[in-house]
mmCIF file of all heavy atoms, coordinates in Angstrom:
data_MODEL
# 
_entry.id   MODEL 
# 
loop_
_atom_site.group_PDB 
_atom_site.id 
_atom_site.type_symbol 
_atom_site.label_atom_id 
_atom_site.label_alt_id 
_atom_site.label_comp_id 
_atom_site.label_asym_id 
_atom_site.label_entity_id 
_atom_site.label_seq_id 
_atom_site.pdbx_PDB_ins_code 
_atom_site.Cartn_x 
_atom_site.Cartn_y 
_atom_site.Cartn_z 
_atom_site.occupancy 
_atom_site.B_iso_or_equiv 
_atom_site.pdbx_formal_charge 
_atom_site.auth_seq_id 
_atom_site.auth_comp_id 
_atom_site.auth_asym_id 
_atom_site.auth_atom_id 
_atom_site.pdbx_PDB_model_num 
ATOM 1   N N   . ALA A 1 1  ? -2.933 10.108 -4.831  1.00 0.00 ? 1  ALA A N   1 
ATOM 2   C CA  . ALA A 1 1  ? -3.133 10.597 -6.190  1.00 0.00 ? 1  ALA A CA  1 
ATOM 3   C C   . ALA A 1 1  ? -4.078 11.798 -6.248  1.00 0.00 ? 1  ALA A C   1 
ATOM 4   O O   . ALA A 1 1  ? -4.228 12.411 -7.274  1.00 0.00 ? 1  ALA A O   1 
ATOM 5   C CB  . ALA A 1 1  ? -3.769 9.503  -7.040  1.00 0.00 ? 1  ALA A CB  1 
ATOM 6   N N   . ASP A 1 2  ? -4.642 12.169 -5.072  1.00 0.00 ? 2  ASP A N   1 
ATOM 7   C CA  . ASP A 1 2  ? -5.602 13.319 -5.072  1.00 0.00 ? 2  ASP A CA  1 
ATOM 8   C C   . ASP A 1 2  ? -4.974 14.594 -4.446  1.00 0.00 ? 2  ASP A C   1 
ATOM 9   O O   . ASP A 1 2  ? -5.722 15.437 -3.915  1.00 0.00 ? 2  ASP A O   1 
ATOM 10  C CB  . ASP A 1 2  ? -6.864 12.944 -4.317  1.00 0.00 ? 2  ASP A CB  1 
ATOM 11  C CG  . ASP A 1 2  ? -6.635 12.652 -2.875  1.00 0.00 ? 2  ASP A CG  1 
ATOM 12  O OD1 . ASP A 1 2  ? -5.476 12.549 -2.434  1.00 0.00 ? 2  ASP A OD1 1 
ATOM 13  O OD2 . ASP A 1 2  ? -7.640 12.530 -2.137  1.00 0.00 ? 2  ASP A OD2 1 
ATOM 14  N N   . MET A 1 3  ? -3.670 14.711 -4.579  1.00 0.00 ? 3  MET A N   1 
ATOM 15  C CA  . MET A 1 3  ? -2.959 15.896 -4.075  1.00 0.00 ? 3  MET A CA  1 
ATOM 16  C C   . MET A 1 3  ? -2.287 16.587 -5.289  1.00 0.00 ? 3  MET A C   1 
ATOM 17  O O   . MET A 1 3  ? -1.027 16.463 -5.457  1.00 0.00 ? 3  MET A O   1 
ATOM 18  C CB  . MET A 1 3  ? -1.949 15.582 -2.995  1.00 0.00 ? 3  MET A CB  1 
ATOM 19  C CG  . MET A 1 3  ? -2.622 15.030 -1.743  1.00 0.00 ? 3  MET A CG  1 
ATOM 20  S SD  . MET A 1 3  ? -1.411 14.621 -0.395  1.00 0.00 ? 3  MET A SD  1 
ATOM 21  C CE  . MET A 1 3  ? -0.851 16.286 0.051   1.00 0.00 ? 3  MET A CE  1 
ATOM 22  N N   . PRO A 1 4  ? -3.028 17.343 -6.097  1.00 0.00 ? 4  PRO A N   1 
ATOM 23  C CA  . PRO A 1 4  ? -2.456 17.841 -7.334  1.00 0.00 ? 4  PRO A CA  1 
ATOM 24  C C   . PRO A 1 4  ? -1.399 18.902 -7.213  1.00 0.00 ? 4  PRO A C   1 
ATOM 25  O O   . PRO A 1 4  ? -0.724 19.235 -8.183  1.00 0.00 ? 4  PRO A O   1 
ATOM 26  C CB  . PRO A 1 4  ? -3.698 18.372 -8.089  1.00 0.00 ? 4  PRO A CB  1 
ATOM 27  C CG  . PRO A 1 4  ? -4.666 18.698 -7.003  1.00 0.00 ? 4  PRO A CG  1 
ATOM 28  C CD  . PRO A 1 4  ? -4.465 17.621 -5.936  1.00 0.00 ? 4  PRO A CD  1 
ATOM 29  N N   . ARG A 1 5  ? -1.229 19.469 -6.080  1.00 0.00 ? 5  ARG A N   1 
ATOM 30  C CA  . ARG A 1 5  ? -0.180 20.479 -5.915  1.00 0.00 ? 5  ARG A CA  1 
ATOM 31  C C   . ARG A 1 5  ? 1.161  19.945 -5.445  1.00 0.00 ? 5  ARG A C   1 
ATOM 32  O O   . ARG A 1 5  ? 2.089  20.711 -5.237  1.00 0.00 ? 5  ARG A O   1 
ATOM 33  C CB  . ARG A 1 5  ? -0.644 21.598 -4.997  1.00 0.00 ? 5  ARG A CB  1 
ATOM 34  C CG  . ARG A 1 5  ? -1.725 22.477 -5.615  1.00 0.00 ? 5  ARG A CG  1 
ATOM 35  C CD  . ARG A 1 5  ? -2.190 23.576 -4.725  1.00 0.00 ? 5  ARG A CD  1 
ATOM 36  N NE  . ARG A 1 5  ? -3.095 24.452 -5.446  1.00 0.00 ? 5  ARG A NE  1 
ATOM 37  C CZ  . ARG A 1 5  ? -3.911 25.289 -4.885  1.00 0.00 ? 5  ARG A CZ  1 
ATOM 38  N NH1 . ARG A 1 5  ? -3.993 25.372 -3.574  1.00 0.00 ? 5  ARG A NH1 1 
ATOM 39  N NH2 . ARG A 1 5  ? -4.727 26.023 -5.578  1.00 0.00 ? 5  ARG A NH2 1 
ATOM 40  N N   . VAL A 1 6  ? 1.252  18.599 -5.296  1.00 0.00 ? 6  VAL A N   1 
ATOM 41  C CA  . VAL A 1 6  ? 2.532  18.044 -5.025  1.00 0.00 ? 6  VAL A CA  1 
ATOM 42  C C   . VAL A 1 6  ? 3.310  17.923 -6.353  1.00 0.00 ? 6  VAL A C   1 
ATOM 43  O O   . VAL A 1 6  ? 2.835  17.377 -7.329  1.00 0.00 ? 6  VAL A O   1 
ATOM 44  C CB  . VAL A 1 6  ? 2.334  16.594 -4.420  1.00 0.00 ? 6  VAL A CB  1 
ATOM 45  C CG1 . VAL A 1 6  ? 3.645  15.818 -4.367  1.00 0.00 ? 6  VAL A CG1 1 
ATOM 46  C CG2 . VAL A 1 6  ? 1.749  16.729 -3.033  1.00 0.00 ? 6  VAL A CG2 1 
ATOM 47  N N   . THR A 1 7  ? 4.463  18.503 -6.343  1.00 0.00 ? 7  THR A N   1 
ATOM 48  C CA  . THR A 1 7  ? 5.259  18.634 -7.547  1.00 0.00 ? 7  THR A CA  1 
ATOM 49  C C   . THR A 1 7  ? 6.460  17.675 -7.582  1.00 0.00 ? 7  THR A C   1 
ATOM 50  O O   . THR A 1 7  ? 6.868  17.149 -6.533  1.00 0.00 ? 7  THR A O   1 
ATOM 51  C CB  . THR A 1 7  ? 5.815  20.090 -7.705  1.00 0.00 ? 7  THR A CB  1 
ATOM 52  O OG1 . THR A 1 7  ? 6.768  20.298 -6.638  1.00 0.00 ? 7  THR A OG1 1 
ATOM 53  C CG2 . THR A 1 7  ? 4.669  21.104 -7.657  1.00 0.00 ? 7  THR A CG2 1 
ATOM 54  N N   . ALA A 1 8  ? 7.024  17.542 -8.801  1.00 0.00 ? 8  ALA A N   1 
ATOM 55  C CA  . ALA A 1 8  ? 8.241  16.752 -8.931  1.00 0.00 ? 8  ALA A CA  1 
ATOM 56  C C   . ALA A 1 8  ? 9.391  17.281 -8.063  1.00 0.00 ? 8  ALA A C   1 
ATOM 57  O O   . ALA A 1 8  ? 10.163 16.501 -7.505  1.00 0.00 ? 8  ALA A O   1 
ATOM 58  C CB  . ALA A 1 8  ? 8.674  16.697 -10.417 1.00 0.00 ? 8  ALA A CB  1 
ATOM 59  N N   . GLU A 1 9  ? 9.434  18.608 -7.929  1.00 0.00 ? 9  GLU A N   1 
ATOM 60  C CA  . GLU A 1 9  ? 10.452 19.244 -7.125  1.00 0.00 ? 9  GLU A CA  1 
ATOM 61  C C   . GLU A 1 9  ? 10.362 18.838 -5.625  1.00 0.00 ? 9  GLU A C   1 
ATOM 62  O O   . GLU A 1 9  ? 11.328 18.610 -4.956  1.00 0.00 ? 9  GLU A O   1 
ATOM 63  C CB  . GLU A 1 9  ? 10.403 20.720 -7.290  1.00 0.00 ? 9  GLU A CB  1 
ATOM 64  C CG  . GLU A 1 9  ? 10.848 21.247 -8.704  1.00 0.00 ? 9  GLU A CG  1 
ATOM 65  C CD  . GLU A 1 9  ? 9.817  21.001 -9.778  1.00 0.00 ? 9  GLU A CD  1 
ATOM 66  O OE1 . GLU A 1 9  ? 8.615  20.796 -9.418  1.00 0.00 ? 9  GLU A OE1 1 
ATOM 67  O OE2 . GLU A 1 9  ? 10.190 21.030 -10.924 1.00 0.00 ? 9  GLU A OE2 1 
ATOM 68  N N   . MET A 1 10 ? 9.082  18.779 -5.186  1.00 0.00 ? 10 MET A N   1 
ATOM 69  C CA  . MET A 1 10 ? 8.901  18.360 -3.834  1.00 0.00 ? 10 MET A CA  1 
ATOM 70  C C   . MET A 1 10 ? 9.296  16.910 -3.535  1.00 0.00 ? 10 MET A C   1 
ATOM 71  O O   . MET A 1 10 ? 9.963  16.564 -2.587  1.00 0.00 ? 10 MET A O   1 
ATOM 72  C CB  . MET A 1 10 ? 7.419  18.548 -3.424  1.00 0.00 ? 10 MET A CB  1 
ATOM 73  C CG  . MET A 1 10 ? 6.958  19.977 -3.365  1.00 0.00 ? 10 MET A CG  1 
ATOM 74  S SD  . MET A 1 10 ? 5.164  20.163 -3.282  1.00 0.00 ? 10 MET A SD  1 
ATOM 75  C CE  . MET A 1 10 ? 4.819  19.357 -1.709  1.00 0.00 ? 10 MET A CE  1 
ATOM 76  N N   . LEU A 1 11 ? 8.941  16.037 -4.477  1.00 0.00 ? 11 LEU A N   1 
ATOM 77  C CA  . LEU A 1 11 ? 9.365  14.679 -4.352  1.00 0.00 ? 11 LEU A CA  1 
ATOM 78  C C   . LEU A 1 11 ? 10.833 14.492 -4.405  1.00 0.00 ? 11 LEU A C   1 
ATOM 79  O O   . LEU A 1 11 ? 11.470 13.668 -3.630  1.00 0.00 ? 11 LEU A O   1 
ATOM 80  C CB  . LEU A 1 11 ? 8.732  13.838 -5.470  1.00 0.00 ? 11 LEU A CB  1 
ATOM 81  C CG  . LEU A 1 11 ? 7.135  13.844 -5.508  1.00 0.00 ? 11 LEU A CG  1 
ATOM 82  C CD1 . LEU A 1 11 ? 6.631  13.120 -6.717  1.00 0.00 ? 11 LEU A CD1 1 
ATOM 83  C CD2 . LEU A 1 11 ? 6.560  13.180 -4.228  1.00 0.00 ? 11 LEU A CD2 1 
ATOM 84  N N   . ALA A 1 12 ? 11.486 15.196 -5.341  1.00 0.00 ? 12 ALA A N   1 
ATOM 85  C CA  . ALA A 1 12 ? 12.926 15.070 -5.437  1.00 0.00 ? 12 ALA A CA  1 
ATOM 86  C C   . ALA A 1 12 ? 13.597 15.598 -4.172  1.00 0.00 ? 12 ALA A C   1 
ATOM 87  O O   . ALA A 1 12 ? 14.684 15.148 -3.753  1.00 0.00 ? 12 ALA A O   1 
ATOM 88  C CB  . ALA A 1 12 ? 13.437 15.925 -6.665  1.00 0.00 ? 12 ALA A CB  1 
ATOM 89  N N   . ARG A 1 13 ? 13.026 16.589 -3.521  1.00 0.00 ? 13 ARG A N   1 
ATOM 90  C CA  . ARG A 1 13 ? 13.627 17.110 -2.288  1.00 0.00 ? 13 ARG A CA  1 
ATOM 91  C C   . ARG A 1 13 ? 13.568 16.090 -1.160  1.00 0.00 ? 13 ARG A C   1 
ATOM 92  O O   . ARG A 1 13 ? 14.532 15.951 -0.395  1.00 0.00 ? 13 ARG A O   1 
ATOM 93  C CB  . ARG A 1 13 ? 12.861 18.392 -1.853  1.00 0.00 ? 13 ARG A CB  1 
ATOM 94  C CG  . ARG A 1 13 ? 13.426 19.066 -0.615  1.00 0.00 ? 13 ARG A CG  1 
ATOM 95  C CD  . ARG A 1 13 ? 14.859 19.522 -0.853  1.00 0.00 ? 13 ARG A CD  1 
ATOM 96  N NE  . ARG A 1 13 ? 15.421 20.128 0.351   1.00 0.00 ? 13 ARG A NE  1 
ATOM 97  C CZ  . ARG A 1 13 ? 16.687 19.943 0.714   1.00 0.00 ? 13 ARG A CZ  1 
ATOM 98  N NH1 . ARG A 1 13 ? 17.506 19.190 0.006   1.00 0.00 ? 13 ARG A NH1 1 
ATOM 99  N NH2 . ARG A 1 13 ? 17.158 20.531 1.831   1.00 0.00 ? 13 ARG A NH2 1 
ATOM 100 N N   . LEU A 1 14 ? 12.486 15.287 -1.082  1.00 0.00 ? 14 LEU A N   1 
ATOM 101 C CA  . LEU A 1 14 ? 12.455 14.198 -0.078  1.00 0.00 ? 14 LEU A CA  1 
ATOM 102 C C   . LEU A 1 14 ? 13.573 13.208 -0.351  1.00 0.00 ? 14 LEU A C   1 
ATOM 103 O O   . LEU A 1 14 ? 14.250 12.781 0.574   1.00 0.00 ? 14 LEU A O   1 
ATOM 104 C CB  . LEU A 1 14 ? 11.085 13.495 -0.192  1.00 0.00 ? 14 LEU A CB  1 
ATOM 105 C CG  . LEU A 1 14 ? 9.804  14.309 0.163   1.00 0.00 ? 14 LEU A CG  1 
ATOM 106 C CD1 . LEU A 1 14 ? 8.605  13.425 -0.030  1.00 0.00 ? 14 LEU A CD1 1 
ATOM 107 C CD2 . LEU A 1 14 ? 9.913  14.840 1.607   1.00 0.00 ? 14 LEU A CD2 1 
ATOM 108 N N   . VAL A 1 15 ? 13.778 12.883 -1.602  1.00 0.00 ? 15 VAL A N   1 
ATOM 109 C CA  . VAL A 1 15 ? 14.854 11.925 -1.934  1.00 0.00 ? 15 VAL A CA  1 
ATOM 110 C C   . VAL A 1 15 ? 16.215 12.485 -1.615  1.00 0.00 ? 15 VAL A C   1 
ATOM 111 O O   . VAL A 1 15 ? 17.088 11.809 -1.071  1.00 0.00 ? 15 VAL A O   1 
ATOM 112 C CB  . VAL A 1 15 ? 14.764 11.547 -3.427  1.00 0.00 ? 15 VAL A CB  1 
ATOM 113 C CG1 . VAL A 1 15 ? 15.954 10.610 -3.785  1.00 0.00 ? 15 VAL A CG1 1 
ATOM 114 C CG2 . VAL A 1 15 ? 13.481 10.852 -3.758  1.00 0.00 ? 15 VAL A CG2 1 
ATOM 115 N N   . GLU A 1 16 ? 16.387 13.770 -1.924  1.00 0.00 ? 16 GLU A N   1 
ATOM 116 C CA  . GLU A 1 16 ? 17.696 14.431 -1.588  1.00 0.00 ? 16 GLU A CA  1 
ATOM 117 C C   . GLU A 1 16 ? 18.008 14.352 -0.102  1.00 0.00 ? 16 GLU A C   1 
ATOM 118 O O   . GLU A 1 16 ? 19.102 14.031 0.273   1.00 0.00 ? 16 GLU A O   1 
ATOM 119 C CB  . GLU A 1 16 ? 17.674 15.909 -2.046  1.00 0.00 ? 16 GLU A CB  1 
ATOM 120 C CG  . GLU A 1 16 ? 17.729 16.081 -3.537  1.00 0.00 ? 16 GLU A CG  1 
ATOM 121 C CD  . GLU A 1 16 ? 17.411 17.522 -3.923  1.00 0.00 ? 16 GLU A CD  1 
ATOM 122 O OE1 . GLU A 1 16 ? 17.277 18.379 -2.989  1.00 0.00 ? 16 GLU A OE1 1 
ATOM 123 O OE2 . GLU A 1 16 ? 17.334 17.825 -5.137  1.00 0.00 ? 16 GLU A OE2 1 
ATOM 124 N N   . ARG A 1 17 ? 16.994 14.632 0.742   1.00 0.00 ? 17 ARG A N   1 
ATOM 125 C CA  . ARG A 1 17 ? 17.192 14.591 2.190   1.00 0.00 ? 17 ARG A CA  1 
ATOM 126 C C   . ARG A 1 17 ? 17.461 13.204 2.664   1.00 0.00 ? 17 ARG A C   1 
ATOM 127 O O   . ARG A 1 17 ? 18.255 12.990 3.578   1.00 0.00 ? 17 ARG A O   1 
ATOM 128 C CB  . ARG A 1 17 ? 16.028 15.200 2.890   1.00 0.00 ? 17 ARG A CB  1 
ATOM 129 C CG  . ARG A 1 17 ? 15.899 16.665 2.721   1.00 0.00 ? 17 ARG A CG  1 
ATOM 130 C CD  . ARG A 1 17 ? 17.045 17.454 3.280   1.00 0.00 ? 17 ARG A CD  1 
ATOM 131 N NE  . ARG A 1 17 ? 16.957 17.476 4.785   1.00 0.00 ? 17 ARG A NE  1 
ATOM 132 C CZ  . ARG A 1 17 ? 18.025 17.519 5.556   1.00 0.00 ? 17 ARG A CZ  1 
ATOM 133 N NH1 . ARG A 1 17 ? 19.260 17.404 5.059   1.00 0.00 ? 17 ARG A NH1 1 
ATOM 134 N NH2 . ARG A 1 17 ? 17.875 17.533 6.853   1.00 0.00 ? 17 ARG A NH2 1 
ATOM 135 N N   . PHE A 1 18 ? 16.829 12.169 2.031   1.00 0.00 ? 18 PHE A N   1 
ATOM 136 C CA  . PHE A 1 18 ? 17.109 10.798 2.401   1.00 0.00 ? 18 PHE A CA  1 
ATOM 137 C C   . PHE A 1 18 ? 18.572 10.440 2.049   1.00 0.00 ? 18 PHE A C   1 
ATOM 138 O O   . PHE A 1 18 ? 19.251 9.803  2.907   1.00 0.00 ? 18 PHE A O   1 
ATOM 139 C CB  . PHE A 1 18 ? 16.166 9.912  1.585   1.00 0.00 ? 18 PHE A CB  1 
ATOM 140 C CG  . PHE A 1 18 ? 16.436 8.429  1.740   1.00 0.00 ? 18 PHE A CG  1 
ATOM 141 C CD1 . PHE A 1 18 ? 16.339 7.800  2.922   1.00 0.00 ? 18 PHE A CD1 1 
ATOM 142 C CD2 . PHE A 1 18 ? 16.781 7.693  0.590   1.00 0.00 ? 18 PHE A CD2 1 
ATOM 143 C CE1 . PHE A 1 18 ? 16.656 6.426  3.081   1.00 0.00 ? 18 PHE A CE1 1 
ATOM 144 C CE2 . PHE A 1 18 ? 17.058 6.341  0.698   1.00 0.00 ? 18 PHE A CE2 1 
ATOM 145 C CZ  . PHE A 1 18 ? 16.976 5.734  1.917   1.00 0.00 ? 18 PHE A CZ  1 
ATOM 146 N N   . ILE A 1 19 ? 19.024 10.846 0.925   1.00 0.00 ? 19 ILE A N   1 
ATOM 147 C CA  . ILE A 1 19 ? 20.382 10.550 0.560   1.00 0.00 ? 19 ILE A CA  1 
ATOM 148 C C   . ILE A 1 19 ? 21.390 11.287 1.441   1.00 0.00 ? 19 ILE A C   1 
ATOM 149 O O   . ILE A 1 19 ? 22.432 10.756 1.839   1.00 0.00 ? 19 ILE A O   1 
ATOM 150 C CB  . ILE A 1 19 ? 20.662 10.897 -0.977  1.00 0.00 ? 19 ILE A CB  1 
ATOM 151 C CG1 . ILE A 1 19 ? 19.843 9.964  -1.854  1.00 0.00 ? 19 ILE A CG1 1 
ATOM 152 C CG2 . ILE A 1 19 ? 22.119 10.888 -1.315  1.00 0.00 ? 19 ILE A CG2 1 
ATOM 153 C CD1 . ILE A 1 19 ? 19.799 10.318 -3.336  1.00 0.00 ? 19 ILE A CD1 1 
ATOM 154 N N   . GLU A 1 20 ? 21.031 12.507 1.825   1.00 0.00 ? 20 GLU A N   1 
ATOM 155 C CA  . GLU A 1 20 ? 21.930 13.282 2.687   1.00 0.00 ? 20 GLU A CA  1 
ATOM 156 C C   . GLU A 1 20 ? 22.056 12.757 4.101   1.00 0.00 ? 20 GLU A C   1 
ATOM 157 O O   . GLU A 1 20 ? 23.081 12.780 4.729   1.00 0.00 ? 20 GLU A O   1 
ATOM 158 C CB  . GLU A 1 20 ? 21.475 14.772 2.769   1.00 0.00 ? 20 GLU A CB  1 
ATOM 159 C CG  . GLU A 1 20 ? 21.619 15.524 1.445   1.00 0.00 ? 20 GLU A CG  1 
ATOM 160 C CD  . GLU A 1 20 ? 20.841 16.794 1.431   1.00 0.00 ? 20 GLU A CD  1 
ATOM 161 O OE1 . GLU A 1 20 ? 20.118 17.144 2.435   1.00 0.00 ? 20 GLU A OE1 1 
ATOM 162 O OE2 . GLU A 1 20 ? 20.862 17.523 0.394   1.00 0.00 ? 20 GLU A OE2 1 
ATOM 163 N N   . THR A 1 21 ? 20.894 12.324 4.604   1.00 0.00 ? 21 THR A N   1 
ATOM 164 C CA  . THR A 1 21 ? 20.826 11.958 6.048   1.00 0.00 ? 21 THR A CA  1 
ATOM 165 C C   . THR A 1 21 ? 20.745 10.441 6.353   1.00 0.00 ? 21 THR A C   1 
ATOM 166 O O   . THR A 1 21 ? 21.118 10.021 7.437   1.00 0.00 ? 21 THR A O   1 
ATOM 167 C CB  . THR A 1 21 ? 19.593 12.598 6.698   1.00 0.00 ? 21 THR A CB  1 
ATOM 168 O OG1 . THR A 1 21 ? 18.391 11.995 6.151   1.00 0.00 ? 21 THR A OG1 1 
ATOM 169 C CG2 . THR A 1 21 ? 19.590 14.113 6.412   1.00 0.00 ? 21 THR A CG2 1 
ATOM 170 N N   . GLY A 1 22 ? 20.275 9.633  5.408   1.00 0.00 ? 22 GLY A N   1 
ATOM 171 C CA  . GLY A 1 22 ? 20.082 8.267  5.720   1.00 0.00 ? 22 GLY A CA  1 
ATOM 172 C C   . GLY A 1 22 ? 18.923 8.030  6.644   1.00 0.00 ? 22 GLY A C   1 
ATOM 173 O O   . GLY A 1 22 ? 18.769 6.877  7.150   1.00 0.00 ? 22 GLY A O   1 
ATOM 174 N N   . ALA A 1 23 ? 18.096 8.958  6.895   1.00 0.00 ? 23 ALA A N   1 
ATOM 175 C CA  . ALA A 1 23 ? 16.979 8.824  7.814   1.00 0.00 ? 23 ALA A CA  1 
ATOM 176 C C   . ALA A 1 23 ? 16.010 7.746  7.349   1.00 0.00 ? 23 ALA A C   1 
ATOM 177 O O   . ALA A 1 23 ? 15.748 7.729  6.088   1.00 0.00 ? 23 ALA A O   1 
ATOM 178 C CB  . ALA A 1 23 ? 16.274 10.156 8.056   1.00 0.00 ? 23 ALA A CB  1 
ATOM 179 N N   . PRO A 1 24 ? 15.412 6.989  8.209   1.00 0.00 ? 24 PRO A N   1 
ATOM 180 C CA  . PRO A 1 24 ? 14.479 5.937  7.758   1.00 0.00 ? 24 PRO A CA  1 
ATOM 181 C C   . PRO A 1 24 ? 13.135 6.513  7.281   1.00 0.00 ? 24 PRO A C   1 
ATOM 182 O O   . PRO A 1 24 ? 12.390 5.843  6.521   1.00 0.00 ? 24 PRO A O   1 
ATOM 183 C CB  . PRO A 1 24 ? 14.255 5.083  8.998   1.00 0.00 ? 24 PRO A CB  1 
ATOM 184 C CG  . PRO A 1 24 ? 14.573 5.948  10.163  1.00 0.00 ? 24 PRO A CG  1 
ATOM 185 C CD  . PRO A 1 24 ? 15.655 6.888  9.665   1.00 0.00 ? 24 PRO A CD  1 
ATOM 186 N N   . ILE A 1 25 ? 12.815 7.749  7.703   1.00 0.00 ? 25 ILE A N   1 
ATOM 187 C CA  . ILE A 1 25 ? 11.636 8.442  7.276   1.00 0.00 ? 25 ILE A CA  1 
ATOM 188 C C   . ILE A 1 25 ? 11.905 9.904  6.912   1.00 0.00 ? 25 ILE A C   1 
ATOM 189 O O   . ILE A 1 25 ? 12.594 10.586 7.730   1.00 0.00 ? 25 ILE A O   1 
ATOM 190 C CB  . ILE A 1 25 ? 10.491 8.370  8.372   1.00 0.00 ? 25 ILE A CB  1 
ATOM 191 C CG1 . ILE A 1 25 ? 10.126 6.949  8.677   1.00 0.00 ? 25 ILE A CG1 1 
ATOM 192 C CG2 . ILE A 1 25 ? 9.236  9.201  7.890   1.00 0.00 ? 25 ILE A CG2 1 
ATOM 193 C CD1 . ILE A 1 25 ? 9.131  6.809  9.829   1.00 0.00 ? 25 ILE A CD1 1 
ATOM 194 N N   . VAL A 1 26 ? 11.478 10.307 5.744   1.00 0.00 ? 26 VAL A N   1 
ATOM 195 C CA  . VAL A 1 26 ? 11.559 11.739 5.415   1.00 0.00 ? 26 VAL A CA  1 
ATOM 196 C C   . VAL A 1 26 ? 10.159 12.211 5.112   1.00 0.00 ? 26 VAL A C   1 
ATOM 197 O O   . VAL A 1 26 ? 9.509  11.683 4.231   1.00 0.00 ? 26 VAL A O   1 
ATOM 198 C CB  . VAL A 1 26 ? 12.484 11.986 4.200   1.00 0.00 ? 26 VAL A CB  1 
ATOM 199 C CG1 . VAL A 1 26 ? 12.573 13.461 3.937   1.00 0.00 ? 26 VAL A CG1 1 
ATOM 200 C CG2 . VAL A 1 26 ? 13.865 11.362 4.405   1.00 0.00 ? 26 VAL A CG2 1 
ATOM 201 N N   . ALA A 1 27 ? 9.676  13.098 5.921   1.00 0.00 ? 27 ALA A N   1 
ATOM 202 C CA  . ALA A 1 27 ? 8.269  13.462 5.875   1.00 0.00 ? 27 ALA A CA  1 
ATOM 203 C C   . ALA A 1 27 ? 8.054  14.924 5.452   1.00 0.00 ? 27 ALA A C   1 
ATOM 204 O O   . ALA A 1 27 ? 8.902  15.752 5.647   1.00 0.00 ? 27 ALA A O   1 
ATOM 205 C CB  . ALA A 1 27 ? 7.654  13.296 7.279   1.00 0.00 ? 27 ALA A CB  1 
ATOM 206 N N   . SER A 1 28 ? 6.890  15.144 4.821   1.00 0.00 ? 28 SER A N   1 
ATOM 207 C CA  . SER A 1 28 ? 6.547  16.486 4.367   1.00 0.00 ? 28 SER A CA  1 
ATOM 208 C C   . SER A 1 28 ? 5.864  17.263 5.536   1.00 0.00 ? 28 SER A C   1 
ATOM 209 O O   . SER A 1 28 ? 5.057  16.718 6.274   1.00 0.00 ? 28 SER A O   1 
ATOM 210 C CB  . SER A 1 28 ? 5.565  16.379 3.225   1.00 0.00 ? 28 SER A CB  1 
ATOM 211 O OG  . SER A 1 28 ? 6.101  15.726 2.154   1.00 0.00 ? 28 SER A OG  1 
# 
């Protein structure tokens, strides 16, 4: 909760890569 520059777009990108790849971990 203390990372104020993390945006909705960044979070959505992690989800997109998970859906695309099925990887068990998608990391920033």
